[in-house]
């Protein structure tokens, strides 16, 4: 007789704690040389964040029977890329923010050169972590490295950030906005889901395509909700500066559609994401719950 699934909140807390512990082990010790850089890496990575990408990796791993140990590496690798992007995104040459996860951003707590090196070092660490994952066969391991590299670079997250910076003060159409966020936010979310699935048994091509369809809608949903929260939530709730996109004249789903329109669009995306999971039945329970969490989060 199968064991009942624990409540979503318990599962989420357990995965978040597991990932926090694993990240702490993967990160260089604070006292090792160069100490200031390693301290800044740990400051930026540990003790905060929703860990949505690691949660998605663990949830996708349930579809393919992945072991928690294999998922640790995938989840921590993708989170290192995410944190590196936040550290660089907050710098004065990018979005110039002073608050992240409820405390001073890395360049404020340390300095600009240290923050730049923290991002560089976390990006390298992500691939170091994947290369240590000896539980996967070499071909699968190489595919995981390629998935994360492509999601992080100029055809993924970094490319989306470049479009974002070039779009300040310019009106974008909905297809243009969706393309920007499919790269800036969605590419890494898609990678998290696929990396989690790759940690377990091989999937049929149709299942993999269906899972990727879910990940695309979930990634776009995450960004639309981010835009909504930037207008409706407080700085204290968000842990970062509220209203910053509007103040910087950035194109968002709220500026394009209005608040009501963006909220309706988020509802449509949630429905489409959930529809994509129906073929997996109960195996997709955690992904289903995560889609709802992404859609209805308050921070």
Protein backbone atom coordinates (compact mmCIF):
# COMPACT_ATOMS: atom_id res chain seq x y z
CA UNK A 1 0.00 0.00 0.00
CA UNK A 2 1.46 3.35 -1.06
CA UNK A 3 2.18 6.01 1.53
CA UNK A 4 -0.05 9.12 1.41
CA UNK A 5 1.61 12.27 0.12
CA UNK A 6 2.42 14.80 2.86
CA UNK A 7 0.73 18.21 2.55
CA UNK A 8 2.26 20.53 -0.04
CA UNK A 9 3.50 23.00 2.58
CA UNK A 10 5.36 20.21 4.40
CA UNK A 11 6.87 18.88 1.17
CA UNK A 12 7.94 22.37 0.12
CA UNK A 13 9.57 23.09 3.48
CA UNK A 14 11.39 19.76 3.38
CA UNK A 15 12.77 20.36 -0.13
CA UNK A 16 13.77 23.94 0.70
CA UNK A 17 15.64 22.78 3.80
CA UNK A 18 17.31 19.98 1.86
CA UNK A 19 18.44 22.35 -0.89
CA UNK A 20 19.70 24.88 1.67
CA UNK A 21 21.82 22.19 3.30
CA UNK A 22 23.14 20.92 -0.04
CA UNK A 23 23.99 24.45 -1.21
CA UNK A 24 25.87 25.08 2.01
CA UNK A 25 27.96 21.96 1.34
CA UNK A 26 28.61 22.79 -2.32
CA UNK A 27 29.61 26.41 -1.64
CA UNK A 28 33.22 27.03 -0.62
CA UNK A 29 33.69 27.52 3.15
CA UNK A 30 33.58 31.15 4.21
CA UNK A 31 37.01 30.94 5.80
CA UNK A 32 38.75 29.50 2.72
CA UNK A 33 40.88 31.80 0.55
CA UNK A 34 39.75 34.19 -0.91
CA UNK A 35 37.60 34.66 2.17
CA UNK A 36 35.75 37.83 1.19
CA UNK A 37 34.60 36.36 -2.12
CA UNK A 38 33.49 33.10 -0.51
CA UNK A 39 31.67 34.98 2.25
CA UNK A 40 29.84 37.05 -0.37
CA UNK A 41 28.90 33.92 -2.32
CA UNK A 42 27.37 32.39 0.80
CA UNK A 43 25.68 35.68 1.75
CA UNK A 44 23.98 35.89 -1.64
CA UNK A 45 22.97 32.24 -1.89
CA UNK A 46 21.99 31.06 1.58
CA UNK A 47 19.26 32.07 3.99
CA UNK A 48 16.53 33.27 1.67
CA UNK A 49 14.56 32.85 -1.50
CA UNK A 50 11.55 30.79 -2.50
CA UNK A 51 13.73 28.15 -4.22
CA UNK A 52 11.08 27.79 -6.93
CA UNK A 53 13.52 26.33 -9.46
CA UNK A 54 14.83 23.63 -7.09
CA UNK A 55 11.23 22.84 -6.11
CA UNK A 56 10.36 22.41 -9.78
CA UNK A 57 13.37 20.13 -10.27
CA UNK A 58 12.33 17.92 -7.35
CA UNK A 59 8.70 17.86 -8.50
CA UNK A 60 9.68 16.89 -12.05
CA UNK A 61 11.97 14.23 -10.61
CA UNK A 62 8.93 12.55 -9.08
CA UNK A 63 7.66 11.87 -12.60
CA UNK A 64 10.73 9.81 -13.44
CA UNK A 65 11.52 8.19 -10.09
CA UNK A 66 14.68 10.24 -9.52
CA UNK A 67 16.61 9.80 -6.29
CA UNK A 68 16.87 12.75 -3.88
CA UNK A 69 20.67 12.61 -4.12
CA UNK A 70 20.62 13.05 -7.90
CA UNK A 71 18.08 15.84 -7.57
CA UNK A 72 20.27 17.67 -5.04
CA UNK A 73 22.87 18.29 -7.73
CA UNK A 74 20.39 19.41 -10.39
CA UNK A 75 18.49 21.66 -7.99
CA UNK A 76 21.63 23.30 -6.60
CA UNK A 77 23.15 23.83 -10.05
CA UNK A 78 20.10 25.65 -11.36
CA UNK A 79 19.80 27.69 -8.16
CA UNK A 80 23.44 28.80 -8.46
CA UNK A 81 22.67 30.12 -11.95
CA UNK A 82 19.56 31.87 -10.64
CA UNK A 83 21.39 33.53 -7.74
CA UNK A 84 24.22 34.63 -10.02
CA UNK A 85 21.64 36.29 -12.27
CA UNK A 86 20.09 38.11 -9.29
CA UNK A 87 23.46 39.38 -8.05
CA UNK A 88 24.35 40.76 -11.47
CA UNK A 89 20.80 42.03 -12.12
CA UNK A 90 20.90 44.14 -8.94
CA UNK A 91 24.15 45.91 -9.85
CA UNK A 92 24.16 49.63 -10.77
CA UNK A 93 24.95 48.88 -14.44
CA UNK A 94 21.84 46.69 -14.69
CA UNK A 95 18.64 47.22 -12.63
CA UNK A 96 20.44 49.05 -9.81
CA UNK A 97 18.61 47.76 -6.73
CA UNK A 98 19.62 47.90 -3.09
CA UNK A 99 17.34 45.22 -1.62
CA UNK A 100 17.08 41.48 -2.34
CA UNK A 101 15.40 38.81 -0.23
CA UNK A 102 14.79 41.39 2.50
CA UNK A 103 18.41 42.47 2.98
CA UNK A 104 21.04 44.60 1.20
CA UNK A 105 22.01 43.37 -2.24
CA UNK A 106 25.46 41.86 -2.69
CA UNK A 107 27.09 44.96 -4.20
CA UNK A 108 25.70 47.09 -1.35
CA UNK A 109 26.78 44.69 1.41
CA UNK A 110 30.21 44.16 -0.20
CA UNK A 111 31.11 46.17 -3.32
CA UNK A 112 30.63 46.15 -7.09
CA UNK A 113 33.79 44.17 -8.00
CA UNK A 114 32.99 41.52 -5.38
CA UNK A 115 29.40 41.22 -6.63
CA UNK A 116 30.65 40.79 -10.20
CA UNK A 117 32.99 38.00 -9.08
CA UNK A 118 30.25 36.37 -6.98
CA UNK A 119 28.10 36.03 -10.10
CA UNK A 120 31.01 34.70 -12.14
CA UNK A 121 31.91 32.19 -9.43
CA UNK A 122 28.34 30.93 -8.93
CA UNK A 123 27.98 30.38 -12.66
CA UNK A 124 31.14 28.25 -12.69
CA UNK A 125 30.06 26.41 -9.55
CA UNK A 126 26.79 25.36 -11.20
CA UNK A 127 28.62 23.33 -13.84
CA UNK A 128 31.13 22.03 -11.32
CA UNK A 129 28.18 20.63 -9.35
CA UNK A 130 26.68 18.93 -12.41
CA UNK A 131 30.07 17.44 -13.31
CA UNK A 132 30.33 15.81 -9.88
CA UNK A 133 27.01 14.00 -10.27
CA UNK A 134 28.43 10.50 -10.78
CA UNK A 135 25.02 8.86 -10.31
CA UNK A 136 24.08 9.74 -13.90
CA UNK A 137 25.43 8.02 -17.01
CA UNK A 138 27.90 10.18 -19.01
CA UNK A 139 25.51 10.85 -21.91
CA UNK A 140 22.74 11.96 -19.55
CA UNK A 141 25.19 14.06 -17.56
CA UNK A 142 26.42 15.80 -20.71
CA UNK A 143 22.83 16.52 -21.75
CA UNK A 144 22.15 18.12 -18.36
CA UNK A 145 25.21 20.35 -18.73
CA UNK A 146 24.06 21.38 -22.21
CA UNK A 147 20.49 22.10 -21.03
CA UNK A 148 21.69 24.39 -18.26
CA UNK A 149 24.31 26.12 -20.42
CA UNK A 150 21.83 26.92 -23.19
CA UNK A 151 19.23 28.16 -20.72
CA UNK A 152 21.78 30.48 -19.11
CA UNK A 153 23.45 32.08 -22.12
CA UNK A 154 22.69 34.50 -24.94
CA UNK A 155 19.89 32.30 -26.31
CA UNK A 156 18.35 32.06 -22.84
CA UNK A 157 18.50 34.07 -19.64
CA UNK A 158 21.35 36.44 -20.55
CA UNK A 159 19.78 37.14 -23.93
CA UNK A 160 16.46 37.94 -22.29
CA UNK A 161 18.20 40.33 -19.92
CA UNK A 162 19.83 42.06 -22.90
CA UNK A 163 16.42 42.54 -24.53
CA UNK A 164 15.02 43.80 -21.24
CA UNK A 165 17.74 46.45 -20.89
CA UNK A 166 17.25 47.54 -24.50
CA UNK A 167 13.47 47.85 -24.02
CA UNK A 168 13.38 50.43 -21.22
CA UNK A 169 11.03 53.23 -22.19
CA UNK A 170 9.83 51.42 -25.32
CA UNK A 171 6.38 49.92 -25.87
CA UNK A 172 6.46 46.20 -26.66
CA UNK A 173 3.73 44.09 -28.19
CA UNK A 174 2.54 41.03 -26.30
CA UNK A 175 4.53 38.62 -28.55
CA UNK A 176 7.67 40.74 -28.02
CA UNK A 177 7.13 40.79 -24.26
CA UNK A 178 6.51 37.05 -24.17
CA UNK A 179 9.69 36.37 -26.16
CA UNK A 180 11.74 38.51 -23.78
CA UNK A 181 10.42 36.69 -20.72
CA UNK A 182 10.57 33.25 -22.35
CA UNK A 183 14.31 33.89 -22.38
CA UNK A 184 14.92 36.01 -19.28
CA UNK A 185 12.74 34.05 -16.83
CA UNK A 186 11.26 31.09 -18.66
CA UNK A 187 14.44 29.48 -19.98
CA UNK A 188 15.82 28.72 -16.52
CA UNK A 189 12.45 27.50 -15.25
CA UNK A 190 12.20 25.15 -18.23
CA UNK A 191 15.74 23.97 -17.51
CA UNK A 192 14.88 23.28 -13.87
CA UNK A 193 11.96 21.07 -14.88
CA UNK A 194 13.92 19.18 -17.53
CA UNK A 195 16.97 18.72 -15.29
CA UNK A 196 14.78 17.24 -12.59
CA UNK A 197 13.19 14.82 -15.04
CA UNK A 198 16.59 13.85 -16.46
CA UNK A 199 17.70 12.69 -13.01
CA UNK A 200 15.40 9.66 -13.23
CA UNK A 201 14.23 7.11 -15.81
CA UNK A 202 14.12 8.08 -19.48
CA UNK A 203 10.85 9.61 -20.66
CA UNK A 204 9.04 8.96 -23.92
CA UNK A 205 9.45 11.83 -26.38
CA UNK A 206 5.75 12.72 -26.15
CA UNK A 207 5.98 12.90 -22.36
CA UNK A 208 9.06 15.08 -22.54
CA UNK A 209 7.37 17.45 -24.98
CA UNK A 210 4.30 17.64 -22.76
CA UNK A 211 6.42 18.35 -19.69
CA UNK A 212 8.21 21.12 -21.58
CA UNK A 213 4.84 22.60 -22.55
CA UNK A 214 3.97 22.76 -18.87
CA UNK A 215 7.33 24.37 -18.08
CA UNK A 216 6.88 27.04 -20.76
CA UNK A 217 3.49 28.08 -19.38
CA UNK A 218 4.74 27.93 -15.79
CA UNK A 219 7.71 30.13 -16.67
CA UNK A 220 5.53 32.75 -18.32
CA UNK A 221 3.06 32.54 -15.43
CA UNK A 222 5.86 33.23 -12.95
CA UNK A 223 6.80 36.43 -14.78
CA UNK A 224 3.23 37.68 -15.18
CA UNK A 225 2.64 37.21 -11.45
CA UNK A 226 5.95 38.99 -10.75
CA UNK A 227 4.71 41.98 -12.76
CA UNK A 228 1.40 41.96 -10.87
CA UNK A 229 3.12 41.79 -7.49
CA UNK A 230 5.47 44.64 -8.43
CA UNK A 231 2.35 46.82 -8.63
CA UNK A 232 0.28 45.40 -5.78
CA UNK A 233 2.62 44.15 -3.03
CA UNK A 234 4.77 46.09 -0.58
CA UNK A 235 8.55 46.16 -0.40
CA UNK A 236 8.37 44.42 2.98
CA UNK A 237 6.31 41.58 1.52
CA UNK A 238 8.40 41.18 -1.63
CA UNK A 239 11.79 41.47 0.03
CA UNK A 240 12.84 43.71 -2.88
CA UNK A 241 11.93 47.21 -3.99
CA UNK A 242 8.27 47.34 -5.01
CA UNK A 243 7.14 49.46 -7.96
CA UNK A 244 10.60 49.48 -9.49
CA UNK A 245 9.55 48.38 -12.96
CA UNK A 246 7.05 51.20 -13.32
CA UNK A 247 9.54 53.72 -11.93
CA UNK A 248 12.15 52.55 -14.45
CA UNK A 249 9.60 52.71 -17.33
CA UNK A 250 10.02 49.01 -18.10
CA UNK A 251 7.49 47.20 -20.27
CA UNK A 252 5.44 44.75 -18.18
CA UNK A 253 2.25 42.77 -18.56
CA UNK A 254 0.50 45.27 -16.31
CA UNK A 255 1.60 48.24 -18.41
CA UNK A 256 0.54 46.35 -21.55
CA UNK A 257 -2.76 44.82 -20.39
CA UNK A 258 -3.72 46.71 -17.25
CA UNK A 259 -3.89 45.02 -13.87
CA UNK A 260 -7.19 43.22 -14.54
CA UNK A 261 -5.99 42.00 -17.92
CA UNK A 262 -2.71 40.72 -16.46
CA UNK A 263 -4.59 38.87 -13.72
CA UNK A 264 -6.87 37.23 -16.30
CA UNK A 265 -3.85 36.27 -18.39
CA UNK A 266 -2.23 34.68 -15.32
CA UNK A 267 -5.39 32.64 -14.76
CA UNK A 268 -5.32 31.43 -18.37
CA UNK A 269 -1.66 30.45 -18.09
CA UNK A 270 -2.29 28.51 -14.88
CA UNK A 271 -5.09 26.58 -16.61
CA UNK A 272 -2.89 25.81 -19.62
CA UNK A 273 -0.04 24.63 -17.39
CA UNK A 274 -2.35 22.33 -15.44
CA UNK A 275 -3.93 20.96 -18.62
CA UNK A 276 -0.48 19.89 -19.83
CA UNK A 277 -0.02 17.71 -16.74
CA UNK A 278 -3.17 15.62 -17.07
CA UNK A 279 -1.41 12.80 -18.97
CA UNK A 280 0.83 12.14 -15.95
CA UNK A 281 -1.97 11.51 -13.48
CA UNK A 282 -1.01 11.44 -9.81
CA UNK A 283 2.71 11.50 -10.63
CA UNK A 284 2.39 15.21 -11.37
CA UNK A 285 0.83 16.10 -8.00
CA UNK A 286 3.72 18.30 -6.88
CA UNK A 287 3.99 20.05 -10.25
CA UNK A 288 0.26 20.75 -10.09
CA UNK A 289 0.61 22.19 -6.60
CA UNK A 290 3.62 24.25 -7.65
CA UNK A 291 1.70 25.77 -10.57
CA UNK A 292 -0.95 26.90 -8.10
CA UNK A 293 1.73 28.22 -5.74
CA UNK A 294 3.35 30.23 -8.55
CA UNK A 295 -0.01 31.63 -9.63
CA UNK A 296 -1.28 32.65 -6.19
CA UNK A 297 1.90 33.55 -4.31
CA UNK A 298 2.05 36.84 -2.44
CA UNK A 299 5.81 37.41 -2.73
